Amino acid sequence: MYDEDRYLTDNPINRYAIGDRNELKYNPDGSLDLYLSHKAPEESKISNWLPVPDTLFNVTARLYIPAPGLPSDPGAWKNPSPEKLK
């Protein structure tokens, strides 16, 4: 998570990235929801929360060793776009 100038941003839980080394909670269907928010989500979602600044920010996804089943052609897979929740 980077601010608008592409620097890491301070946050209350000192989490600057989220990934397979975190104890993430997966949905019953195997999908994964990540929560990018300035304010902390409800307690049950904290493990999947990446704090963001309350100003503009940049999200970078890095896939070093893609999971089996992902297309090997770099242009064949697109990172899902974030959805704004109400």
N, C-alpha and C. Protein backbone atom coordinates (compact mmCIF):
# COMPACT_ATOMS: atom_id res chain seq x y z
N MET A 1 0.84 -1.17 0.00
CA MET A 1 0.00 0.00 0.00
C MET A 1 0.89 1.23 0.00
N TYR A 2 0.67 2.08 -0.97
CA TYR A 2 1.49 3.28 -1.11
C TYR A 2 0.60 4.52 -1.17
N ASP A 3 1.14 5.63 -0.68
CA ASP A 3 0.39 6.88 -0.78
C ASP A 3 0.49 7.42 -2.20
N GLU A 4 -0.07 8.58 -2.43
CA GLU A 4 -0.10 9.13 -3.79
C GLU A 4 1.29 9.44 -4.34
N ASP A 5 2.29 9.58 -3.45
CA ASP A 5 3.66 9.81 -3.89
C ASP A 5 4.47 8.51 -3.95
N ARG A 6 3.79 7.38 -3.79
CA ARG A 6 4.37 6.04 -3.85
C ARG A 6 5.31 5.72 -2.70
N TYR A 7 4.99 6.26 -1.52
CA TYR A 7 5.70 5.92 -0.29
C TYR A 7 4.79 5.07 0.58
N LEU A 8 5.40 4.19 1.39
CA LEU A 8 4.60 3.43 2.34
C LEU A 8 3.94 4.39 3.31
N THR A 9 2.75 4.05 3.76
CA THR A 9 2.00 4.94 4.63
C THR A 9 1.88 4.37 6.03
N ASP A 10 2.09 5.22 7.02
CA ASP A 10 1.91 4.80 8.41
C ASP A 10 0.47 4.40 8.63
N ASN A 11 0.27 3.42 9.51
CA ASN A 11 -1.09 3.00 9.82
C ASN A 11 -1.11 2.39 11.22
N PRO A 12 -2.29 2.27 11.82
CA PRO A 12 -2.38 1.86 13.22
C PRO A 12 -1.94 0.43 13.52
N ILE A 13 -1.87 -0.45 12.52
CA ILE A 13 -1.47 -1.83 12.81
C ILE A 13 -0.13 -2.18 12.15
N ASN A 14 0.57 -1.18 11.63
CA ASN A 14 1.87 -1.37 10.99
C ASN A 14 1.85 -2.48 9.94
N ARG A 15 0.80 -2.51 9.15
CA ARG A 15 0.69 -3.47 8.05
C ARG A 15 0.80 -2.69 6.76
N TYR A 16 1.78 -3.06 5.94
CA TYR A 16 2.05 -2.33 4.71
C TYR A 16 1.77 -3.16 3.47
N ALA A 17 1.51 -4.44 3.70
CA ALA A 17 1.18 -5.37 2.62
C ALA A 17 0.34 -6.48 3.23
N ILE A 18 -0.35 -7.20 2.39
CA ILE A 18 -1.15 -8.33 2.86
C ILE A 18 -1.01 -9.44 1.82
N GLY A 19 -0.81 -10.65 2.29
CA GLY A 19 -0.61 -11.73 1.34
C GLY A 19 -0.60 -13.10 2.00
N ASP A 20 0.03 -14.06 1.34
CA ASP A 20 -0.02 -15.44 1.80
C ASP A 20 0.70 -15.68 3.12
N ARG A 21 1.48 -14.73 3.58
CA ARG A 21 2.14 -14.88 4.88
C ARG A 21 1.26 -14.39 6.03
N ASN A 22 0.13 -13.79 5.70
CA ASN A 22 -0.83 -13.36 6.71
C ASN A 22 -1.82 -14.48 6.98
N GLU A 23 -2.39 -14.49 8.17
CA GLU A 23 -3.44 -15.46 8.49
C GLU A 23 -4.77 -14.92 8.00
N LEU A 24 -5.04 -15.15 6.73
CA LEU A 24 -6.24 -14.62 6.08
C LEU A 24 -7.42 -15.55 6.29
N LYS A 25 -8.62 -14.98 6.29
CA LYS A 25 -9.85 -15.76 6.40
C LYS A 25 -10.48 -15.84 5.01
N TYR A 26 -10.62 -17.07 4.51
CA TYR A 26 -11.22 -17.31 3.20
C TYR A 26 -12.72 -17.54 3.36
N ASN A 27 -13.46 -17.23 2.31
CA ASN A 27 -14.91 -17.47 2.29
C ASN A 27 -15.17 -18.96 2.10
N PRO A 28 -16.36 -19.43 2.46
CA PRO A 28 -16.68 -20.86 2.32
C PRO A 28 -16.47 -21.40 0.90
N ASP A 29 -16.62 -20.54 -0.12
CA ASP A 29 -16.44 -21.00 -1.50
C ASP A 29 -14.98 -20.95 -1.95
N GLY A 30 -14.07 -20.59 -1.04
CA GLY A 30 -12.64 -20.52 -1.37
C GLY A 30 -12.18 -19.17 -1.85
N SER A 31 -13.10 -18.24 -2.08
CA SER A 31 -12.71 -16.90 -2.51
C SER A 31 -12.15 -16.12 -1.32
N LEU A 32 -11.56 -15.00 -1.61
CA LEU A 32 -10.91 -14.19 -0.59
C LEU A 32 -11.33 -12.74 -0.74
N ASP A 33 -11.77 -12.14 0.35
CA ASP A 33 -12.10 -10.71 0.37
C ASP A 33 -11.02 -9.99 1.15
N LEU A 34 -10.47 -8.93 0.57
CA LEU A 34 -9.52 -8.07 1.26
C LEU A 34 -10.21 -6.73 1.48
N TYR A 35 -9.96 -6.12 2.62
CA TYR A 35 -10.61 -4.87 2.97
C TYR A 35 -9.57 -3.76 3.02
N LEU A 36 -9.67 -2.82 2.10
CA LEU A 36 -8.78 -1.67 2.04
C LEU A 36 -9.59 -0.48 2.50
N SER A 37 -9.26 0.01 3.68
CA SER A 37 -10.07 1.06 4.28
C SER A 37 -9.23 1.87 5.26
N HIS A 38 -9.56 3.15 5.37
CA HIS A 38 -8.89 3.99 6.36
C HIS A 38 -9.35 3.63 7.77
N LYS A 39 -10.64 3.34 7.90
CA LYS A 39 -11.19 2.95 9.21
C LYS A 39 -11.18 1.43 9.33
N ALA A 40 -10.94 0.95 10.52
CA ALA A 40 -10.92 -0.49 10.75
C ALA A 40 -12.29 -1.09 10.50
N PRO A 41 -12.33 -2.27 9.86
CA PRO A 41 -13.61 -2.95 9.67
C PRO A 41 -14.02 -3.65 10.97
N GLU A 42 -15.15 -4.33 10.92
CA GLU A 42 -15.58 -5.09 12.10
C GLU A 42 -14.52 -6.12 12.47
N GLU A 43 -14.50 -6.53 13.71
CA GLU A 43 -13.46 -7.41 14.26
C GLU A 43 -13.23 -8.66 13.41
N SER A 44 -14.28 -9.26 12.88
CA SER A 44 -14.14 -10.50 12.11
C SER A 44 -13.40 -10.31 10.78
N LYS A 45 -13.20 -9.06 10.36
CA LYS A 45 -12.55 -8.78 9.08
C LYS A 45 -11.14 -8.20 9.24
N ILE A 46 -10.69 -8.00 10.47
CA ILE A 46 -9.38 -7.37 10.72
C ILE A 46 -8.24 -8.16 10.07
N SER A 47 -8.32 -9.50 10.07
CA SER A 47 -7.23 -10.30 9.51
C SER A 47 -7.04 -10.03 8.01
N ASN A 48 -8.08 -9.57 7.32
CA ASN A 48 -8.03 -9.31 5.89
C ASN A 48 -8.02 -7.81 5.57
N TRP A 49 -7.66 -6.99 6.56
CA TRP A 49 -7.69 -5.54 6.41
C TRP A 49 -6.31 -5.00 6.10
N LEU A 50 -6.24 -4.18 5.06
CA LEU A 50 -5.05 -3.41 4.75
C LEU A 50 -5.42 -1.94 4.93
N PRO A 51 -4.89 -1.30 5.97
CA PRO A 51 -5.21 0.11 6.19
C PRO A 51 -4.69 0.98 5.05
N VAL A 52 -5.51 1.93 4.63
CA VAL A 52 -5.11 2.87 3.58
C VAL A 52 -5.21 4.29 4.12
N PRO A 53 -4.47 5.22 3.54
CA PRO A 53 -4.57 6.61 3.99
C PRO A 53 -5.94 7.20 3.63
N ASP A 54 -6.27 8.30 4.26
CA ASP A 54 -7.56 8.95 3.95
C ASP A 54 -7.42 9.93 2.79
N THR A 55 -6.32 9.80 2.05
CA THR A 55 -6.09 10.59 0.84
C THR A 55 -5.92 9.61 -0.33
N LEU A 56 -5.46 10.08 -1.46
CA LEU A 56 -5.22 9.19 -2.60
C LEU A 56 -4.18 8.14 -2.25
N PHE A 57 -4.32 6.95 -2.83
CA PHE A 57 -3.36 5.89 -2.58
C PHE A 57 -3.24 5.00 -3.81
N ASN A 58 -2.21 4.17 -3.83
CA ASN A 58 -1.95 3.23 -4.93
C ASN A 58 -1.90 1.82 -4.37
N VAL A 59 -2.47 0.90 -5.09
CA VAL A 59 -2.44 -0.52 -4.71
C VAL A 59 -1.63 -1.25 -5.76
N THR A 60 -0.69 -2.07 -5.31
CA THR A 60 0.13 -2.86 -6.21
C THR A 60 -0.05 -4.32 -5.87
N ALA A 61 -0.33 -5.15 -6.85
CA ALA A 61 -0.44 -6.59 -6.65
C ALA A 61 0.78 -7.25 -7.27
N ARG A 62 1.43 -8.09 -6.49
CA ARG A 62 2.60 -8.80 -6.99
C ARG A 62 2.33 -10.29 -6.91
N LEU A 63 2.50 -10.98 -8.03
CA LEU A 63 2.33 -12.43 -8.09
C LEU A 63 3.68 -13.02 -8.51
N TYR A 64 4.43 -13.48 -7.53
CA TYR A 64 5.76 -14.00 -7.83
C TYR A 64 5.72 -15.42 -8.37
N ILE A 65 4.93 -16.27 -7.75
CA ILE A 65 4.77 -17.64 -8.22
C ILE A 65 3.27 -17.89 -8.26
N PRO A 66 2.63 -17.65 -9.40
CA PRO A 66 1.17 -17.80 -9.49
C PRO A 66 0.72 -19.22 -9.15
N ALA A 67 -0.44 -19.31 -8.56
CA ALA A 67 -1.02 -20.59 -8.18
C ALA A 67 -1.31 -21.42 -9.43
N PRO A 68 -1.28 -22.75 -9.26
CA PRO A 68 -1.65 -23.60 -10.40
C PRO A 68 -3.05 -23.22 -10.88
N GLY A 69 -3.25 -23.26 -12.17
CA GLY A 69 -4.55 -22.92 -12.73
C GLY A 69 -4.61 -21.51 -13.30
N LEU A 70 -3.70 -20.62 -12.88
CA LEU A 70 -3.68 -19.29 -13.48
C LEU A 70 -3.01 -19.40 -14.85
N PRO A 71 -3.51 -18.69 -15.83
CA PRO A 71 -2.90 -18.76 -17.17
C PRO A 71 -1.45 -18.32 -17.13
N SER A 72 -0.60 -18.97 -17.90
CA SER A 72 0.82 -18.61 -17.93
C SER A 72 1.07 -17.39 -18.83
N ASP A 73 0.14 -17.07 -19.71
CA ASP A 73 0.27 -15.89 -20.56
C ASP A 73 0.01 -14.66 -19.70
N PRO A 74 0.99 -13.75 -19.55
CA PRO A 74 0.83 -12.59 -18.69
C PRO A 74 -0.40 -11.74 -19.01
N GLY A 75 -0.86 -11.73 -20.24
CA GLY A 75 -2.02 -10.92 -20.59
C GLY A 75 -3.35 -11.63 -20.43
N ALA A 76 -3.33 -12.90 -20.05
CA ALA A 76 -4.56 -13.69 -19.98
C ALA A 76 -5.30 -13.55 -18.67
N TRP A 77 -4.64 -13.06 -17.62
CA TRP A 77 -5.28 -12.92 -16.32
C TRP A 77 -5.26 -11.45 -15.92
N LYS A 78 -6.38 -10.98 -15.41
CA LYS A 78 -6.45 -9.59 -14.95
C LYS A 78 -6.77 -9.57 -13.48
N ASN A 79 -6.07 -8.71 -12.77
CA ASN A 79 -6.33 -8.53 -11.35
C ASN A 79 -7.73 -7.96 -11.17
N PRO A 80 -8.54 -8.51 -10.27
CA PRO A 80 -9.89 -7.95 -10.09
C PRO A 80 -9.83 -6.50 -9.62
N SER A 81 -10.73 -5.69 -10.10
CA SER A 81 -10.81 -4.30 -9.67
C SER A 81 -11.43 -4.22 -8.29
N PRO A 82 -10.95 -3.30 -7.47
CA PRO A 82 -11.56 -3.12 -6.14
C PRO A 82 -13.02 -2.68 -6.28
N GLU A 83 -13.84 -3.10 -5.36
CA GLU A 83 -15.24 -2.69 -5.30
C GLU A 83 -15.44 -1.81 -4.08
N LYS A 84 -16.08 -0.69 -4.27
CA LYS A 84 -16.38 0.19 -3.14
C LYS A 84 -17.62 -0.34 -2.44
N LEU A 85 -17.49 -0.61 -1.14
CA LEU A 85 -18.63 -1.08 -0.36
C LEU A 85 -19.28 0.10 0.34
N LYS A 86 -20.57 -0.02 0.51
CA LYS A 86 -21.30 1.08 1.16
C LYS A 86 -21.36 0.85 2.64
